[in-house]
Amino acid sequence: MISNYYENQKTETSNMNNLSNPAPNTTLKGWLIVIVDDQPDNLMIAKVALEFQGAAVFVAANGEEGMHLLQIHTPTVILLDLSMPRMDGWEMHRRIRERAETAKTPVIALTAHAMSGDRERVLAAGFDGYIAKPFDIMTLPSQIQQLVGQKLLVSKTPNP
């Protein structure tokens, strides 16, 4: 079951959106994004930034909760932290790829693993992209669009 903390985020997010901000952009309109991260601040910041761009965003605090969300929602993309309690991002990624419903869904690692070689390790494991934390809320939506666009281009390229 999804934590009550995350179910109650709608009120907090709606209060933050009423802070004299200009009208939201709609570059991610029609996108459904699932974010799985055990750090509430990371979840809230990413959620608000992506909702501001028009996306519908659902969050979970660990891989078990994330897998539950994937039984309910079919996301455009999944943003996945790697180090979490109960089920880490590596295991959740493996399970995502095993399910027919999510096997081709783009999965982007959103992680503090930012040492030399971490990006290569993530991509070698089959993730579709890598974004290091701390991320820039101004460029996060475009980074996601670029990575998802690359995945779509590769999947549509005919085999020789």
C-alpha atoms as a PDB file:
ATOM      1  CA  MET A   1       0.000   0.000   0.000  1.00  0.00           C
ATOM      2  CA  ILE A   2       1.269   3.475  -0.816  1.00  0.00           C
ATOM      3  CA  SER A   3       2.360   5.462   2.219  1.00  0.00           C
ATOM      4  CA  ASN A   4      -0.134   7.986   3.586  1.00  0.00           C
ATOM      5  CA  TYR A   5       2.596  10.610   3.310  1.00  0.00           C
ATOM      6  CA  TYR A   6       2.511  10.366  -0.461  1.00  0.00           C
ATOM      7  CA  GLU A   7      -1.280  10.204  -0.676  1.00  0.00           C
ATOM      8  CA  ASN A   8      -1.428  13.489   1.222  1.00  0.00           C
ATOM      9  CA  GLN A   9       1.039  15.219  -1.089  1.00  0.00           C
ATOM     10  CA  LYS A  10      -1.742  16.514  -3.334  1.00  0.00           C
ATOM     11  CA  THR A  11      -2.599  19.197  -0.769  1.00  0.00           C
ATOM     12  CA  GLU A  12       1.031  20.234  -0.351  1.00  0.00           C
ATOM     13  CA  THR A  13       1.637  20.280  -4.106  1.00  0.00           C
ATOM     14  CA  SER A  14      -1.504  22.296  -4.740  1.00  0.00           C
ATOM     15  CA  ASN A  15      -0.453  24.811  -2.061  1.00  0.00           C
ATOM     16  CA  MET A  16       2.991  25.136  -3.685  1.00  0.00           C
ATOM     17  CA  ASN A  17       1.431  25.696  -7.113  1.00  0.00           C
ATOM     18  CA  ASN A  18      -0.517  28.681  -5.783  1.00  0.00           C
ATOM     19  CA  LEU A  19       2.656  30.672  -5.047  1.00  0.00           C
ATOM     20  CA  SER A  20       2.322  33.432  -7.669  1.00  0.00           C
ATOM     21  CA  ASN A  21       3.899  31.224 -10.311  1.00  0.00           C
ATOM     22  CA  PRO A  22       3.318  31.952 -13.966  1.00  0.00           C
ATOM     23  CA  ALA A  23       1.020  29.605 -15.863  1.00  0.00           C
ATOM     24  CA  PRO A  24       2.457  26.093 -16.119  1.00  0.00           C
ATOM     25  CA  ASN A  25       4.151  24.984 -19.293  1.00  0.00           C
ATOM     26  CA  THR A  26       2.620  21.976 -21.030  1.00  0.00           C
ATOM     27  CA  THR A  27       5.689  20.342 -22.550  1.00  0.00           C
ATOM     28  CA  LEU A  28       4.888  17.101 -20.700  1.00  0.00           C
ATOM     29  CA  LYS A  29       1.117  17.308 -21.107  1.00  0.00           C
ATOM     30  CA  GLY A  30      -0.304  13.799 -21.480  1.00  0.00           C
ATOM     31  CA  TRP A  31       2.726  12.156 -19.859  1.00  0.00           C
ATOM     32  CA  LEU A  32       2.284   9.930 -16.814  1.00  0.00           C
ATOM     33  CA  ILE A  33       5.481   9.711 -14.785  1.00  0.00           C
ATOM     34  CA  VAL A  34       6.204   7.380 -11.869  1.00  0.00           C
ATOM     35  CA  ILE A  35       9.001   8.483  -9.526  1.00  0.00           C
ATOM     36  CA  VAL A  36      10.405   6.011  -6.996  1.00  0.00           C
ATOM     37  CA  ASP A  37      12.769   7.474  -4.383  1.00  0.00           C
ATOM     38  CA  ASP A  38      13.094   7.062  -0.630  1.00  0.00           C
ATOM     39  CA  GLN A  39      13.929  10.736  -0.039  1.00  0.00           C
ATOM     40  CA  PRO A  40      10.722  12.784   0.416  1.00  0.00           C
ATOM     41  CA  ASP A  41      12.423  16.056  -0.590  1.00  0.00           C
ATOM     42  CA  ASN A  42      13.620  14.578  -3.891  1.00  0.00           C
ATOM     43  CA  LEU A  43      10.150  13.216  -4.584  1.00  0.00           C
ATOM     44  CA  MET A  44       8.415  16.501  -3.851  1.00  0.00           C
ATOM     45  CA  ILE A  45      10.815  18.649  -5.880  1.00  0.00           C
ATOM     46  CA  ALA A  46      10.720  16.352  -8.918  1.00  0.00           C
ATOM     47  CA  LYS A  47       6.945  15.922  -8.654  1.00  0.00           C
ATOM     48  CA  VAL A  48       6.252  19.660  -8.548  1.00  0.00           C
ATOM     49  CA  ALA A  49       8.726  20.427 -11.368  1.00  0.00           C
ATOM     50  CA  LEU A  50       7.211  17.781 -13.651  1.00  0.00           C
ATOM     51  CA  GLU A  51       3.597  18.623 -12.795  1.00  0.00           C
ATOM     52  CA  PHE A  52       4.388  22.254 -13.584  1.00  0.00           C
ATOM     53  CA  GLN A  53       5.310  21.049 -17.073  1.00  0.00           C
ATOM     54  CA  GLY A  54       1.917  19.335 -17.434  1.00  0.00           C
ATOM     55  CA  ALA A  55       2.731  15.734 -16.446  1.00  0.00           C
ATOM     56  CA  ALA A  56       0.631  13.552 -14.166  1.00  0.00           C
ATOM     57  CA  VAL A  57       3.061  12.288 -11.511  1.00  0.00           C
ATOM     58  CA  PHE A  58       2.761   9.408  -9.059  1.00  0.00           C
ATOM     59  CA  VAL A  59       5.375   8.719  -6.388  1.00  0.00           C
ATOM     60  CA  ALA A  60       6.522   5.818  -4.253  1.00  0.00           C
ATOM     61  CA  ALA A  61       9.114   5.558  -1.460  1.00  0.00           C
ATOM     62  CA  ASN A  62      10.600   2.185  -2.412  1.00  0.00           C
ATOM     63  CA  GLY A  63      10.527  -0.508  -5.070  1.00  0.00           C
ATOM     64  CA  GLU A  64       7.680  -2.447  -3.468  1.00  0.00           C
ATOM     65  CA  GLU A  65       5.434   0.626  -3.524  1.00  0.00           C
ATOM     66  CA  GLY A  66       6.652   1.411  -7.033  1.00  0.00           C
ATOM     67  CA  MET A  67       5.670  -2.039  -8.308  1.00  0.00           C
ATOM     68  CA  HIS A  68       2.226  -1.531  -6.746  1.00  0.00           C
ATOM     69  CA  LEU A  69       1.860   1.746  -8.666  1.00  0.00           C
ATOM     70  CA  LEU A  70       2.752  -0.068 -11.893  1.00  0.00           C
ATOM     71  CA  GLN A  71      -0.170  -2.426 -11.346  1.00  0.00           C
ATOM     72  CA  ILE A  72      -2.453   0.626 -11.368  1.00  0.00           C
ATOM     73  CA  HIS A  73      -0.787   2.999 -13.856  1.00  0.00           C
ATOM     74  CA  THR A  74       0.920   2.671 -17.234  1.00  0.00           C
ATOM     75  CA  PRO A  75       3.604   5.359 -17.195  1.00  0.00           C
ATOM     76  CA  THR A  76       5.267   7.141 -20.071  1.00  0.00           C
ATOM     77  CA  VAL A  77       8.520   6.927 -18.106  1.00  0.00           C
ATOM     78  CA  ILE A  78       9.762   5.718 -14.713  1.00  0.00           C
ATOM     79  CA  LEU A  79      12.351   7.663 -12.684  1.00  0.00           C
ATOM     80  CA  LEU A  80      14.065   5.291 -10.309  1.00  0.00           C
ATOM     81  CA  ASP A  81      16.454   5.834  -7.417  1.00  0.00           C
ATOM     82  CA  LEU A  82      18.925   2.966  -7.022  1.00  0.00           C
ATOM     83  CA  SER A  83      19.509   2.861  -3.256  1.00  0.00           C
ATOM     84  CA  MET A  84      16.275   2.385  -1.320  1.00  0.00           C
ATOM     85  CA  PRO A  85      15.023   0.198   1.530  1.00  0.00           C
ATOM     86  CA  ARG A  86      12.754  -2.842   1.049  1.00  0.00           C
ATOM     87  CA  MET A  87      13.440  -3.123  -2.701  1.00  0.00           C
ATOM     88  CA  ASP A  88      16.209  -1.151  -4.358  1.00  0.00           C
ATOM     89  CA  GLY A  89      16.124   0.325  -7.832  1.00  0.00           C
ATOM     90  CA  TRP A  90      18.265  -2.431  -9.342  1.00  0.00           C
ATOM     91  CA  GLU A  91      15.762  -5.103  -8.319  1.00  0.00           C
ATOM     92  CA  MET A  92      12.769  -2.984  -9.312  1.00  0.00           C
ATOM     93  CA  HIS A  93      14.332  -2.413 -12.739  1.00  0.00           C
ATOM     94  CA  ARG A  94      14.779  -6.167 -13.168  1.00  0.00           C
ATOM     95  CA  ARG A  95      11.116  -6.759 -12.288  1.00  0.00           C
ATOM     96  CA  ILE A  96       9.932  -3.965 -14.592  1.00  0.00           C
ATOM     97  CA  ARG A  97      11.713  -5.626 -17.507  1.00  0.00           C
ATOM     98  CA  GLU A  98      10.171  -9.026 -16.643  1.00  0.00           C
ATOM     99  CA  ARG A  99       6.585  -7.724 -16.864  1.00  0.00           C
ATOM    100  CA  ALA A 100       5.134  -7.631 -20.365  1.00  0.00           C
ATOM    101  CA  GLU A 101       3.163  -4.464 -19.495  1.00  0.00           C
ATOM    102  CA  THR A 102       6.302  -2.507 -18.570  1.00  0.00           C
ATOM    103  CA  ALA A 103       9.134  -4.286 -20.395  1.00  0.00           C
ATOM    104  CA  LYS A 104       9.490  -1.499 -22.966  1.00  0.00           C
ATOM    105  CA  THR A 105       8.708   1.445 -20.652  1.00  0.00           C
ATOM    106  CA  PRO A 106      11.668   3.843 -20.458  1.00  0.00           C
ATOM    107  CA  VAL A 107      13.360   3.667 -17.045  1.00  0.00           C
ATOM    108  CA  ILE A 108      15.744   6.444 -16.047  1.00  0.00           C
ATOM    109  CA  ALA A 109      18.022   6.126 -13.026  1.00  0.00           C
ATOM    110  CA  LEU A 110      17.673   9.260 -10.886  1.00  0.00           C
ATOM    111  CA  THR A 111      20.482   8.655  -8.459  1.00  0.00           C
ATOM    112  CA  ALA A 112      23.196   9.998  -6.201  1.00  0.00           C
ATOM    113  CA  HIS A 113      25.503   7.303  -7.630  1.00  0.00           C
ATOM    114  CA  ALA A 114      27.678   9.842  -9.425  1.00  0.00           C
ATOM    115  CA  MET A 115      31.165   8.384  -9.176  1.00  0.00           C
ATOM    116  CA  SER A 116      33.306   7.563 -12.164  1.00  0.00           C
ATOM    117  CA  GLY A 117      31.836   4.525 -13.916  1.00  0.00           C
ATOM    118  CA  ASP A 118      28.399   4.702 -12.268  1.00  0.00           C
ATOM    119  CA  ARG A 119      26.687   6.043 -15.399  1.00  0.00           C
ATOM    120  CA  GLU A 120      28.220   3.286 -17.514  1.00  0.00           C
ATOM    121  CA  ARG A 121      27.213   0.635 -14.963  1.00  0.00           C
ATOM    122  CA  VAL A 122      23.604   1.899 -14.966  1.00  0.00           C
ATOM    123  CA  LEU A 123      23.383   1.941 -18.758  1.00  0.00           C
ATOM    124  CA  ALA A 124      25.044  -1.489 -19.011  1.00  0.00           C
ATOM    125  CA  ALA A 125      22.334  -2.834 -16.658  1.00  0.00           C
ATOM    126  CA  GLY A 126      19.701  -1.815 -19.220  1.00  0.00           C
ATOM    127  CA  PHE A 127      18.443   1.502 -17.874  1.00  0.00           C
ATOM    128  CA  ASP A 128      17.394   3.909 -20.624  1.00  0.00           C
ATOM    129  CA  GLY A 129      19.071   6.907 -19.067  1.00  0.00           C
ATOM    130  CA  TYR A 130      20.916   8.330 -16.101  1.00  0.00           C
ATOM    131  CA  ILE A 131      20.366  11.603 -14.241  1.00  0.00           C
ATOM    132  CA  ALA A 132      22.636  12.374 -11.292  1.00  0.00           C
ATOM    133  CA  LYS A 133      21.358  13.936  -8.072  1.00  0.00           C
ATOM    134  CA  PRO A 134      21.203  16.646  -7.145  1.00  0.00           C
ATOM    135  CA  PHE A 135      19.290  17.365 -10.332  1.00  0.00           C
ATOM    136  CA  ASP A 136      18.459  20.795 -11.730  1.00  0.00           C
ATOM    137  CA  ILE A 137      14.681  21.379 -11.633  1.00  0.00           C
ATOM    138  CA  MET A 138      14.951  23.765 -14.573  1.00  0.00           C
ATOM    139  CA  THR A 139      16.481  21.134 -16.871  1.00  0.00           C
ATOM    140  CA  LEU A 140      14.950  17.939 -15.439  1.00  0.00           C
ATOM    141  CA  PRO A 141      11.909  17.935 -17.780  1.00  0.00           C
ATOM    142  CA  SER A 142      14.015  18.450 -20.904  1.00  0.00           C
ATOM    143  CA  GLN A 143      16.540  15.816 -19.797  1.00  0.00           C
ATOM    144  CA  ILE A 144      13.706  13.321 -19.396  1.00  0.00           C
ATOM    145  CA  GLN A 145      12.209  14.239 -22.773  1.00  0.00           C
ATOM    146  CA  GLN A 146      15.589  13.853 -24.452  1.00  0.00           C
ATOM    147  CA  LEU A 147      16.254  10.438 -22.886  1.00  0.00           C
ATOM    148  CA  VAL A 148      12.755   9.146 -23.661  1.00  0.00           C
ATOM    149  CA  GLY A 149      13.055  10.506 -27.207  1.00  0.00           C
ATOM    150  CA  GLN A 150      16.323   8.627 -27.689  1.00  0.00           C
ATOM    151  CA  LYS A 151      14.666   5.408 -26.477  1.00  0.00           C
ATOM    152  CA  LEU A 152      11.765   5.875 -28.911  1.00  0.00           C
ATOM    153  CA  LEU A 153      14.103   6.584 -31.814  1.00  0.00           C
ATOM    154  CA  VAL A 154      16.174   3.472 -31.101  1.00  0.00           C
ATOM    155  CA  SER A 155      13.084   1.264 -30.763  1.00  0.00           C
ATOM    156  CA  LYS A 156      11.666   2.547 -34.079  1.00  0.00           C
ATOM    157  CA  THR A 157      14.905   2.147 -36.054  1.00  0.00           C
ATOM    158  CA  PRO A 158      14.535  -0.781 -38.466  1.00  0.00           C
ATOM    159  CA  ASN A 159      17.025  -3.617 -38.170  1.00  0.00           C
ATOM    160  CA  PRO A 160      19.341  -3.929 -41.206  1.00  0.00           C
END
